[in-house]
PDB file of N, CA and C in Angstrom:
ATOM      1  N   GLU A   1      64.748 -40.988 -65.540  1.00  0.00           N
ATOM      2  CA  GLU A   1      66.094 -40.676 -65.244  1.00  0.00           C
ATOM      3  C   GLU A   1      66.881 -41.941 -64.602  1.00  0.00           C
ATOM      4  N   VAL A   2      68.422 -42.321 -65.560  1.00  0.00           N
ATOM      5  CA  VAL A   2      68.813 -43.345 -64.511  1.00  0.00           C
ATOM      6  C   VAL A   2      69.575 -43.135 -63.276  1.00  0.00           C
ATOM      7  N   ASN A   3      69.217 -43.874 -61.774  1.00  0.00           N
ATOM      8  CA  ASN A   3      70.192 -43.539 -60.708  1.00  0.00           C
ATOM      9  C   ASN A   3      69.030 -42.661 -59.900  1.00  0.00           C
ATOM     10  N   ASP A   4      68.213 -42.509 -61.198  1.00  0.00           N
ATOM     11  CA  ASP A   4      67.000 -41.891 -59.950  1.00  0.00           C
ATOM     12  C   ASP A   4      66.357 -42.958 -58.716  1.00  0.00           C
ATOM     13  N   LYS A   5      64.968 -42.688 -58.238  1.00  0.00           N
ATOM     14  CA  LYS A   5      65.140 -42.914 -57.059  1.00  0.00           C
ATOM     15  C   LYS A   5      63.227 -43.529 -57.015  1.00  0.00           C
ATOM     16  N   ILE A   6      62.847 -44.432 -56.746  1.00  0.00           N
ATOM     17  CA  ILE A   6      61.282 -44.341 -56.156  1.00  0.00           C
ATOM     18  C   ILE A   6      61.013 -45.018 -55.126  1.00  0.00           C
ATOM     19  N   SER A   7      60.263 -44.564 -54.387  1.00  0.00           N
ATOM     20  CA  SER A   7      60.305 -45.035 -52.593  1.00  0.00           C
ATOM     21  C   SER A   7      58.652 -45.515 -52.637  1.00  0.00           C
ATOM     22  N   GLY A   8      58.099 -46.145 -51.928  1.00  0.00           N
ATOM     23  CA  GLY A   8      56.335 -46.506 -52.241  1.00  0.00           C
ATOM     24  C   GLY A   8      56.479 -46.888 -50.277  1.00  0.00           C
ATOM     25  N   TRP A   9      55.319 -46.151 -49.771  1.00  0.00           N
ATOM     26  CA  TRP A   9      55.154 -46.390 -48.339  1.00  0.00           C
ATOM     27  C   TRP A   9      53.628 -46.772 -48.273  1.00  0.00           C
ATOM     28  N   ILE A  10      53.258 -47.757 -47.979  1.00  0.00           N
ATOM     29  CA  ILE A  10      52.191 -48.258 -47.268  1.00  0.00           C
ATOM     30  C   ILE A  10      51.917 -48.252 -45.700  1.00  0.00           C
ATOM     31  N   ASP A  11      51.378 -47.752 -45.051  1.00  0.00           N
ATOM     32  CA  ASP A  11      50.093 -47.435 -44.037  1.00  0.00           C
ATOM     33  C   ASP A  11      49.747 -48.606 -43.463  1.00  0.00           C
ATOM     34  N   PHE A  12      50.862 -50.002 -42.852  1.00  0.00           N
ATOM     35  CA  PHE A  12      49.894 -50.951 -42.681  1.00  0.00           C
ATOM     36  C   PHE A  12      49.610 -51.412 -41.268  1.00  0.00           C
ATOM     37  N   ASN A  13      50.042 -50.329 -40.511  1.00  0.00           N
ATOM     38  CA  ASN A  13      49.525 -50.372 -38.850  1.00  0.00           C
ATOM     39  C   ASN A  13      48.314 -48.757 -38.469  1.00  0.00           C
ATOM     40  N   LEU A  14      48.148 -48.776 -39.729  1.00  0.00           N
ATOM     41  CA  LEU A  14      46.627 -47.289 -39.963  1.00  0.00           C
ATOM     42  C   LEU A  14      47.348 -46.664 -38.744  1.00  0.00           C
ATOM     43  N   ASN A  15      48.409 -45.826 -38.757  1.00  0.00           N
ATOM     44  CA  ASN A  15      48.522 -44.687 -37.557  1.00  0.00           C
ATOM     45  C   ASN A  15      48.388 -43.673 -37.995  1.00  0.00           C
ATOM     46  N   GLY A  16      48.071 -43.828 -39.510  1.00  0.00           N
ATOM     47  CA  GLY A  16      47.911 -41.983 -40.263  1.00  0.00           C
ATOM     48  C   GLY A  16      49.210 -41.999 -40.998  1.00  0.00           C
ATOM     49  N   THR A  17      50.122 -42.082 -40.240  1.00  0.00           N
ATOM     50  CA  THR A  17      51.572 -41.977 -41.286  1.00  0.00           C
ATOM     51  C   THR A  17      52.587 -43.066 -41.651  1.00  0.00           C
ATOM     52  N   PHE A  18      53.464 -42.653 -42.283  1.00  0.00           N
ATOM     53  CA  PHE A  18      53.883 -43.665 -43.159  1.00  0.00           C
ATOM     54  C   PHE A  18      55.606 -43.618 -42.671  1.00  0.00           C
ATOM     55  N   ASP A  19      55.572 -44.187 -42.300  1.00  0.00           N
ATOM     56  CA  ASP A  19      56.780 -44.947 -40.961  1.00  0.00           C
ATOM     57  C   ASP A  19      57.933 -45.718 -42.506  1.00  0.00           C
ATOM     58  N   GLU A  20      58.745 -45.063 -41.269  1.00  0.00           N
ATOM     59  CA  GLU A  20      60.068 -45.807 -42.221  1.00  0.00           C
ATOM     60  C   GLU A  20      60.115 -47.466 -42.142  1.00  0.00           C
ATOM     61  N   SER A  21      59.523 -48.111 -41.544  1.00  0.00           N
ATOM     62  CA  SER A  21      59.924 -49.689 -41.379  1.00  0.00           C
ATOM     63  C   SER A  21      58.354 -49.930 -42.390  1.00  0.00           C
ATOM     64  N   GLU A  22      58.144 -48.747 -43.289  1.00  0.00           N
ATOM     65  CA  GLU A  22      56.732 -49.433 -44.061  1.00  0.00           C
ATOM     66  C   GLU A  22      57.143 -48.456 -45.522  1.00  0.00           C
ATOM     67  N   ARG A  23      57.883 -48.225 -45.516  1.00  0.00           N
ATOM     68  CA  ARG A  23      59.639 -47.942 -47.000  1.00  0.00           C
ATOM     69  C   ARG A  23      59.561 -49.027 -47.591  1.00  0.00           C
ATOM     70  N   VAL A  24      59.659 -49.016 -48.809  1.00  0.00           N
ATOM     71  CA  VAL A  24      60.463 -49.429 -49.718  1.00  0.00           C
ATOM     72  C   VAL A  24      60.845 -48.916 -50.485  1.00  0.00           C
ATOM     73  N   THR A  25      62.433 -49.442 -51.336  1.00  0.00           N
ATOM     74  CA  THR A  25      62.839 -48.026 -52.981  1.00  0.00           C
ATOM     75  C   THR A  25      63.226 -48.722 -53.341  1.00  0.00           C
ATOM     76  N   ALA A  26      63.259 -48.520 -54.431  1.00  0.00           N
ATOM     77  CA  ALA A  26      64.220 -49.047 -55.824  1.00  0.00           C
ATOM     78  C   ALA A  26      65.086 -48.063 -56.677  1.00  0.00           C
ATOM     79  N   THR A  27      65.805 -48.215 -57.584  1.00  0.00           N
ATOM     80  CA  THR A  27      66.592 -47.403 -58.606  1.00  0.00           C
ATOM     81  C   THR A  27      66.010 -47.445 -59.833  1.00  0.00           C
ATOM     82  N   VAL A  28      65.959 -46.694 -60.831  1.00  0.00           N
ATOM     83  CA  VAL A  28      65.556 -46.465 -62.026  1.00  0.00           C
ATOM     84  C   VAL A  28      66.998 -47.346 -62.454  1.00  0.00           C
ATOM     85  N   THR A  29      67.011 -48.316 -63.277  1.00  0.00           N
ATOM     86  CA  THR A  29      67.561 -49.184 -64.156  1.00  0.00           C
ATOM     87  C   THR A  29      67.816 -48.584 -65.448  1.00  0.00           C
ATOM     88  N   GLN A  30      66.955 -47.953 -66.096  1.00  0.00           N
ATOM     89  CA  GLN A  30      66.883 -48.007 -67.881  1.00  0.00           C
ATOM     90  C   GLN A  30      65.849 -46.542 -67.707  1.00  0.00           C
ATOM     91  N   ALA A  31      67.019 -45.802 -68.555  1.00  0.00           N
ATOM     92  CA  ALA A  31      66.055 -44.057 -69.223  1.00  0.00           C
ATOM     93  C   ALA A  31      64.413 -44.821 -69.864  1.00  0.00           C
ATOM     94  N   GLY A  32      64.114 -43.339 -70.304  1.00  0.00           N
ATOM     95  CA  GLY A  32      63.126 -43.817 -70.637  1.00  0.00           C
ATOM     96  C   GLY A  32      61.769 -44.448 -70.368  1.00  0.00           C
ATOM     97  N   SER A  33      61.074 -45.468 -71.110  1.00  0.00           N
ATOM     98  CA  SER A  33      59.891 -45.901 -70.168  1.00  0.00           C
ATOM     99  C   SER A  33      59.644 -47.492 -69.506  1.00  0.00           C
ATOM    100  N   GLY A  34      61.364 -47.653 -68.873  1.00  0.00           N
ATOM    101  CA  GLY A  34      61.373 -48.052 -67.829  1.00  0.00           C
ATOM    102  C   GLY A  34      60.266 -48.777 -66.957  1.00  0.00           C
ATOM    103  N   SER A  35      60.499 -49.388 -66.072  1.00  0.00           N
ATOM    104  CA  SER A  35      60.083 -50.025 -64.792  1.00  0.00           C
ATOM    105  C   SER A  35      60.754 -50.491 -63.933  1.00  0.00           C
ATOM    106  N   VAL A  36      60.005 -50.231 -62.669  1.00  0.00           N
ATOM    107  CA  VAL A  36      61.023 -50.713 -61.623  1.00  0.00           C
ATOM    108  C   VAL A  36      59.605 -51.457 -60.665  1.00  0.00           C
ATOM    109  N   THR A  37      60.632 -52.231 -59.585  1.00  0.00           N
ATOM    110  CA  THR A  37      59.392 -53.192 -59.189  1.00  0.00           C
ATOM    111  C   THR A  37      59.459 -52.854 -57.799  1.00  0.00           C
ATOM    112  N   LEU A  38      58.598 -52.732 -56.803  1.00  0.00           N
ATOM    113  CA  LEU A  38      58.344 -52.352 -55.350  1.00  0.00           C
ATOM    114  C   LEU A  38      58.060 -53.522 -54.445  1.00  0.00           C
ATOM    115  N   GLU A  39      58.347 -54.479 -53.493  1.00  0.00           N
ATOM    116  CA  GLU A  39      57.704 -55.174 -53.118  1.00  0.00           C
ATOM    117  C   GLU A  39      57.489 -55.049 -51.422  1.00  0.00           C
ATOM    118  N   TRP A  40      56.735 -55.317 -50.391  1.00  0.00           N
ATOM    119  CA  TRP A  40      56.652 -55.019 -49.784  1.00  0.00           C
ATOM    120  C   TRP A  40      56.276 -56.137 -49.149  1.00  0.00           C
ATOM    121  N   THR A  41      56.557 -56.766 -47.692  1.00  0.00           N
ATOM    122  CA  THR A  41      56.437 -57.986 -46.517  1.00  0.00           C
ATOM    123  C   THR A  41      54.742 -57.638 -46.163  1.00  0.00           C
ATOM    124  N   VAL A  42      53.534 -58.149 -46.343  1.00  0.00           N
ATOM    125  CA  VAL A  42      52.864 -57.676 -45.678  1.00  0.00           C
ATOM    126  C   VAL A  42      52.516 -58.651 -44.348  1.00  0.00           C
ATOM    127  N   PRO A  43      52.398 -57.694 -43.470  1.00  0.00           N
ATOM    128  CA  PRO A  43      51.745 -58.218 -42.420  1.00  0.00           C
ATOM    129  C   PRO A  43      51.091 -59.608 -41.832  1.00  0.00           C
ATOM    130  N   ALA A  44      51.665 -60.517 -41.352  1.00  0.00           N
ATOM    131  CA  ALA A  44      50.622 -61.577 -41.399  1.00  0.00           C
ATOM    132  C   ALA A  44      49.665 -61.663 -40.858  1.00  0.00           C
ATOM    133  N   THR A  45      49.835 -60.684 -39.376  1.00  0.00           N
ATOM    134  CA  THR A  45      48.733 -60.443 -38.488  1.00  0.00           C
ATOM    135  C   THR A  45      47.670 -59.256 -39.602  1.00  0.00           C
ATOM    136  N   ARG A  46      47.493 -58.920 -40.567  1.00  0.00           N
ATOM    137  CA  ARG A  46      47.301 -58.183 -40.942  1.00  0.00           C
ATOM    138  C   ARG A  46      45.407 -58.402 -41.006  1.00  0.00           C
ATOM    139  N   VAL A  47      44.791 -56.981 -40.904  1.00  0.00           N
ATOM    140  CA  VAL A  47      42.907 -57.476 -41.303  1.00  0.00           C
ATOM    141  C   VAL A  47      42.466 -56.864 -42.142  1.00  0.00           C
ATOM    142  N   PRO A  48      41.468 -57.363 -42.808  1.00  0.00           N
ATOM    143  CA  PRO A  48      41.255 -56.521 -44.078  1.00  0.00           C
ATOM    144  C   PRO A  48      40.140 -55.156 -44.028  1.00  0.00           C
ATOM    145  N   TYR A  49      40.828 -54.110 -44.765  1.00  0.00           N
ATOM    146  CA  TYR A  49      40.943 -52.678 -44.729  1.00  0.00           C
ATOM    147  C   TYR A  49      41.055 -52.147 -45.931  1.00  0.00           C
ATOM    148  N   SER A  50      40.992 -51.162 -45.185  1.00  0.00           N
ATOM    149  CA  SER A  50      41.479 -49.591 -46.613  1.00  0.00           C
ATOM    150  C   SER A  50      42.538 -49.143 -46.184  1.00  0.00           C
ATOM    151  N   THR A  51      43.520 -48.441 -46.976  1.00  0.00           N
ATOM    152  CA  THR A  51      44.340 -47.875 -46.438  1.00  0.00           C
ATOM    153  C   THR A  51      45.307 -47.063 -48.208  1.00  0.00           C
ATOM    154  N   TYR A  52      46.306 -46.440 -47.886  1.00  0.00           N
ATOM    155  CA  TYR A  52      46.954 -45.986 -48.643  1.00  0.00           C
ATOM    156  C   TYR A  52      48.515 -45.757 -49.145  1.00  0.00           C
ATOM    157  N   VAL A  53      48.669 -46.977 -50.746  1.00  0.00           N
ATOM    158  CA  VAL A  53      50.486 -46.704 -51.141  1.00  0.00           C
ATOM    159  C   VAL A  53      50.598 -44.963 -51.092  1.00  0.00           C
ATOM    160  N   ARG A  54      52.029 -44.551 -50.734  1.00  0.00           N
ATOM    161  CA  ARG A  54      51.992 -43.224 -51.648  1.00  0.00           C
ATOM    162  C   ARG A  54      53.535 -43.848 -52.008  1.00  0.00           C
ATOM    163  N   LEU A  55      53.950 -43.169 -53.276  1.00  0.00           N
ATOM    164  CA  LEU A  55      54.858 -43.420 -54.016  1.00  0.00           C
ATOM    165  C   LEU A  55      55.595 -41.950 -54.632  1.00  0.00           C
ATOM    166  N   ARG A  56      56.449 -41.681 -54.477  1.00  0.00           N
ATOM    167  CA  ARG A  56      57.567 -40.893 -54.612  1.00  0.00           C
ATOM    168  C   ARG A  56      58.949 -41.091 -55.825  1.00  0.00           C
ATOM    169  N   TYR A  57      58.682 -39.900 -56.559  1.00  0.00           N
ATOM    170  CA  TYR A  57      60.034 -40.396 -57.342  1.00  0.00           C
ATOM    171  C   TYR A  57      61.204 -39.319 -57.010  1.00  0.00           C
ATOM    172  N   PHE A  58      62.373 -39.771 -56.542  1.00  0.00           N
ATOM    173  CA  PHE A  58      63.360 -38.670 -56.396  1.00  0.00           C
ATOM    174  C   PHE A  58      64.357 -38.637 -57.290  1.00  0.00           C
ATOM    175  N   ASP A  59      65.040 -37.179 -58.084  1.00  0.00           N
ATOM    176  CA  ASP A  59      65.706 -37.215 -58.202  1.00  0.00           C
ATOM    177  C   ASP A  59      67.384 -38.176 -57.729  1.00  0.00           C
ATOM    178  N   LYS A  60      68.096 -38.460 -58.656  1.00  0.00           N
ATOM    179  CA  LYS A  60      69.454 -39.431 -57.819  1.00  0.00           C
ATOM    180  C   LYS A  60      69.836 -38.227 -57.188  1.00  0.00           C
ATOM    181  N   ASN A  61      69.938 -37.533 -56.767  1.00  0.00           N
ATOM    182  CA  ASN A  61      70.388 -36.191 -55.928  1.00  0.00           C
ATOM    183  C   ASN A  61      70.241 -36.476 -54.327  1.00  0.00           C
ATOM    184  N   ILE A  62      69.046 -36.754 -54.586  1.00  0.00           N
ATOM    185  CA  ILE A  62      67.915 -36.242 -53.538  1.00  0.00           C
ATOM    186  C   ILE A  62      67.759 -37.434 -52.237  1.00  0.00           C
ATOM    187  N   ASP A  63      67.788 -37.134 -50.843  1.00  0.00           N
ATOM    188  CA  ASP A  63      67.461 -38.567 -50.222  1.00  0.00           C
ATOM    189  C   ASP A  63      66.351 -39.152 -50.283  1.00  0.00           C
ATOM    190  N   ALA A  64      66.343 -40.375 -50.368  1.00  0.00           N
ATOM    191  CA  ALA A  64      64.774 -40.652 -51.668  1.00  0.00           C
ATOM    192  C   ALA A  64      64.278 -41.115 -49.808  1.00  0.00           C
ATOM    193  N   THR A  65      64.611 -40.716 -48.626  1.00  0.00           N
ATOM    194  CA  THR A  65      63.762 -41.832 -47.595  1.00  0.00           C
ATOM    195  C   THR A  65      62.916 -40.934 -47.056  1.00  0.00           C
ATOM    196  N   SER A  66      62.190 -39.651 -47.268  1.00  0.00           N
ATOM    197  CA  SER A  66      61.065 -39.157 -46.540  1.00  0.00           C
ATOM    198  C   SER A  66      59.681 -39.091 -47.319  1.00  0.00           C
ATOM    199  N   PRO A  67      58.561 -39.550 -46.875  1.00  0.00           N
ATOM    200  CA  PRO A  67      57.246 -39.690 -47.596  1.00  0.00           C
ATOM    201  C   PRO A  67      57.216 -37.972 -47.378  1.00  0.00           C
ATOM    202  N   THR A  68      57.704 -36.828 -46.727  1.00  0.00           N
ATOM    203  CA  THR A  68      56.841 -35.794 -46.684  1.00  0.00           C
ATOM    204  C   THR A  68      57.696 -34.592 -47.661  1.00  0.00           C
ATOM    205  N   SER A  69      58.829 -34.891 -47.380  1.00  0.00           N
ATOM    206  CA  SER A  69      59.793 -33.311 -48.135  1.00  0.00           C
ATOM    207  C   SER A  69      59.146 -33.052 -48.959  1.00  0.00           C
ATOM    208  N   GLY A  70      59.539 -31.609 -48.870  1.00  0.00           N
ATOM    209  CA  GLY A  70      59.430 -31.183 -49.749  1.00  0.00           C
ATOM    210  C   GLY A  70      60.801 -31.211 -50.692  1.00  0.00           C
ATOM    211  N   VAL A  71      61.078 -31.159 -52.113  1.00  0.00           N
ATOM    212  CA  VAL A  71      62.262 -31.064 -53.429  1.00  0.00           C
ATOM    213  C   VAL A  71      61.644 -30.674 -54.035  1.00  0.00           C
ATOM    214  N   LEU A  72      62.693 -30.489 -55.101  1.00  0.00           N
ATOM    215  CA  LEU A  72      62.937 -29.668 -56.396  1.00  0.00           C
ATOM    216  C   LEU A  72      61.882 -29.995 -57.724  1.00  0.00           C
ATOM    217  N   HIS A  73      62.697 -31.363 -57.697  1.00  0.00           N
ATOM    218  CA  HIS A  73      62.645 -32.343 -58.414  1.00  0.00           C
ATOM    219  C   HIS A  73      61.987 -33.735 -58.442  1.00  0.00           C
ATOM    220  N   GLY A  74      60.784 -34.129 -58.731  1.00  0.00           N
ATOM    221  CA  GLY A  74      60.425 -35.581 -58.616  1.00  0.00           C
ATOM    222  C   GLY A  74      58.664 -35.171 -58.646  1.00  0.00           C
ATOM    223  N   GLU A  75      58.453 -36.332 -57.350  1.00  0.00           N
ATOM    224  CA  GLU A  75      57.028 -36.748 -58.172  1.00  0.00           C
ATOM    225  C   GLU A  75      55.905 -37.388 -56.858  1.00  0.00           C
ATOM    226  N   VAL A  76      54.986 -37.594 -56.401  1.00  0.00           N
ATOM    227  CA  VAL A  76      54.325 -37.868 -55.720  1.00  0.00           C
ATOM    228  C   VAL A  76      52.843 -38.092 -55.830  1.00  0.00           C
ATOM    229  N   GLU A  77      52.665 -39.414 -55.256  1.00  0.00           N
ATOM    230  CA  GLU A  77      51.500 -39.710 -56.043  1.00  0.00           C
ATOM    231  C   GLU A  77      50.828 -41.004 -54.390  1.00  0.00           C
ATOM    232  N   ASP A  78      49.369 -40.830 -54.100  1.00  0.00           N
ATOM    233  CA  ASP A  78      48.851 -41.646 -53.344  1.00  0.00           C
ATOM    234  C   ASP A  78      47.751 -42.421 -53.917  1.00  0.00           C
ATOM    235  N   HIS A  79      47.580 -43.372 -53.638  1.00  0.00           N
ATOM    236  CA  HIS A  79      46.499 -44.338 -54.158  1.00  0.00           C
ATOM    237  C   HIS A  79      45.744 -45.117 -52.957  1.00  0.00           C
ATOM    238  N   ARG A  80      45.012 -45.423 -53.160  1.00  0.00           N
ATOM    239  CA  ARG A  80      44.104 -46.188 -51.976  1.00  0.00           C
ATOM    240  C   ARG A  80      43.961 -47.689 -52.291  1.00  0.00           C
ATOM    241  N   ILE A  81      44.730 -48.142 -51.728  1.00  0.00           N
ATOM    242  CA  ILE A  81      44.333 -49.756 -51.720  1.00  0.00           C
ATOM    243  C   ILE A  81      43.728 -50.304 -50.433  1.00  0.00           C
ATOM    244  N   PHE A  82      43.652 -51.642 -50.949  1.00  0.00           N
ATOM    245  CA  PHE A  82      43.375 -52.526 -50.385  1.00  0.00           C
ATOM    246  C   PHE A  82      43.705 -53.849 -49.808  1.00  0.00           C
ATOM    247  N   ILE A  83      43.991 -54.254 -48.632  1.00  0.00           N
ATOM    248  CA  ILE A  83      44.657 -55.376 -47.872  1.00  0.00           C
ATOM    249  C   ILE A  83      44.051 -56.133 -47.469  1.00  0.00           C
ATOM    250  N   LEU A  84      43.975 -57.549 -48.099  1.00  0.00           N
ATOM    251  CA  LEU A  84      42.885 -58.375 -48.026  1.00  0.00           C
ATOM    252  C   LEU A  84      43.768 -59.572 -46.865  1.00  0.00           C
ATOM    253  N   THR A  85      42.452 -59.898 -46.555  1.00  0.00           N
ATOM    254  CA  THR A  85      43.349 -61.560 -45.450  1.00  0.00           C
ATOM    255  C   THR A  85      44.172 -62.477 -45.980  1.00  0.00           C
ATOM    256  N   GLN A  86      44.573 -63.210 -45.483  1.00  0.00           N
ATOM    257  CA  GLN A  86      45.597 -64.337 -46.098  1.00  0.00           C
ATOM    258  C   GLN A  86      44.466 -65.255 -46.664  1.00  0.00           C
ATOM    259  N   GLY A  87      45.245 -65.601 -48.301  1.00  0.00           N
ATOM    260  CA  GLY A  87      44.606 -66.912 -49.006  1.00  0.00           C
ATOM    261  C   GLY A  87      44.272 -67.915 -48.091  1.00  0.00           C
ATOM    262  N   ARG A  88      42.792 -68.703 -48.119  1.00  0.00           N
ATOM    263  CA  ARG A  88      42.624 -70.223 -47.643  1.00  0.00           C
ATOM    264  C   ARG A  88      42.173 -70.641 -48.647  1.00  0.00           C
ATOM    265  N   THR A  89      42.321 -71.902 -48.472  1.00  0.00           N
ATOM    266  CA  THR A  89      41.988 -73.326 -49.650  1.00  0.00           C
ATOM    267  C   THR A  89      41.151 -73.978 -48.350  1.00  0.00           C
ATOM    268  N   ASN A  90      40.653 -75.074 -49.130  1.00  0.00           N
ATOM    269  CA  ASN A  90      39.132 -75.860 -48.917  1.00  0.00           C
ATOM    270  C   ASN A  90      40.086 -76.944 -47.863  1.00  0.00           C
ATOM    271  N   PRO A  91      39.392 -77.066 -46.429  1.00  0.00           N
ATOM    272  CA  PRO A  91      40.385 -78.417 -46.046  1.00  0.00           C
ATOM    273  C   PRO A  91      40.142 -79.457 -47.358  1.00  0.00           C
ATOM    274  N   VAL A  92      41.170 -80.669 -46.763  1.00  0.00           N
ATOM    275  CA  VAL A  92      40.970 -81.869 -47.702  1.00  0.00           C
ATOM    276  C   VAL A  92      40.069 -82.836 -46.424  1.00  0.00           C
ATOM    277  N   ILE A  93      39.400 -83.273 -47.126  1.00  0.00           N
ATOM    278  CA  ILE A  93      38.625 -84.216 -46.610  1.00  0.00           C
ATOM    279  C   ILE A  93      38.804 -86.005 -46.658  1.00  0.00           C
ATOM    280  N   PRO A  94      38.981 -86.596 -46.408  1.00  0.00           N
ATOM    281  CA  PRO A  94      39.368 -87.887 -46.495  1.00  0.00           C
ATOM    282  C   PRO A  94      38.465 -88.501 -47.135  1.00  0.00           C
ATOM    283  N   SER A  95      38.595 -89.306 -48.207  1.00  0.00           N
ATOM    284  CA  SER A  95      37.718 -89.975 -48.776  1.00  0.00           C
ATOM    285  C   SER A  95      37.782 -91.660 -48.353  1.00  0.00           C
ATOM    286  N   LYS A  96      36.057 -91.803 -47.943  1.00  0.00           N
ATOM    287  CA  LYS A  96      35.658 -92.776 -47.492  1.00  0.00           C
ATOM    288  C   LYS A  96      36.207 -93.999 -48.632  1.00  0.00           C
ATOM    289  N   SER A  97      36.821 -95.249 -48.166  1.00  0.00           N
ATOM    290  CA  SER A  97      36.585 -96.073 -49.564  1.00  0.00           C
ATOM    291  C   SER A  97      34.952 -96.778 -49.268  1.00  0.00           C
ATOM    292  N   LYS A  98      34.572 -97.423 -50.569  1.00  0.00           N
ATOM    293  CA  LYS A  98      33.540 -98.303 -49.864  1.00  0.00           C
ATOM    294  C   LYS A  98      33.945 -99.777 -49.731  1.00  0.00           C
ATOM    295  N   ASN A  99      33.472-100.324 -48.884  1.00  0.00           N
ATOM    296  CA  ASN A  99      33.442-101.730 -48.461  1.00  0.00           C
ATOM    297  C   ASN A  99      32.317-102.375 -49.392  1.00  0.00           C
TER     298      ASN A  99
END
């Protein structure tokens, strides 16, 4: 429904909990089969590992900040994800001119 919320948490620090600093929230702006985008800033110090993302759908009248509280209306899903290392590019090798 319009104005409902979707929050997501990624356990970036691997402490086994979904911390407030790991949460992003989006508001549903279209009824029906619309979509929302959740965007996180992945820490630059990351190492490759697997972790989880928790997604929760909240009614517009419910506080959307808790990854574990009970609610009468909503849904929760956990998905295993893989954090990759930073992208690498090939180093530039200066060309040598032929004389």
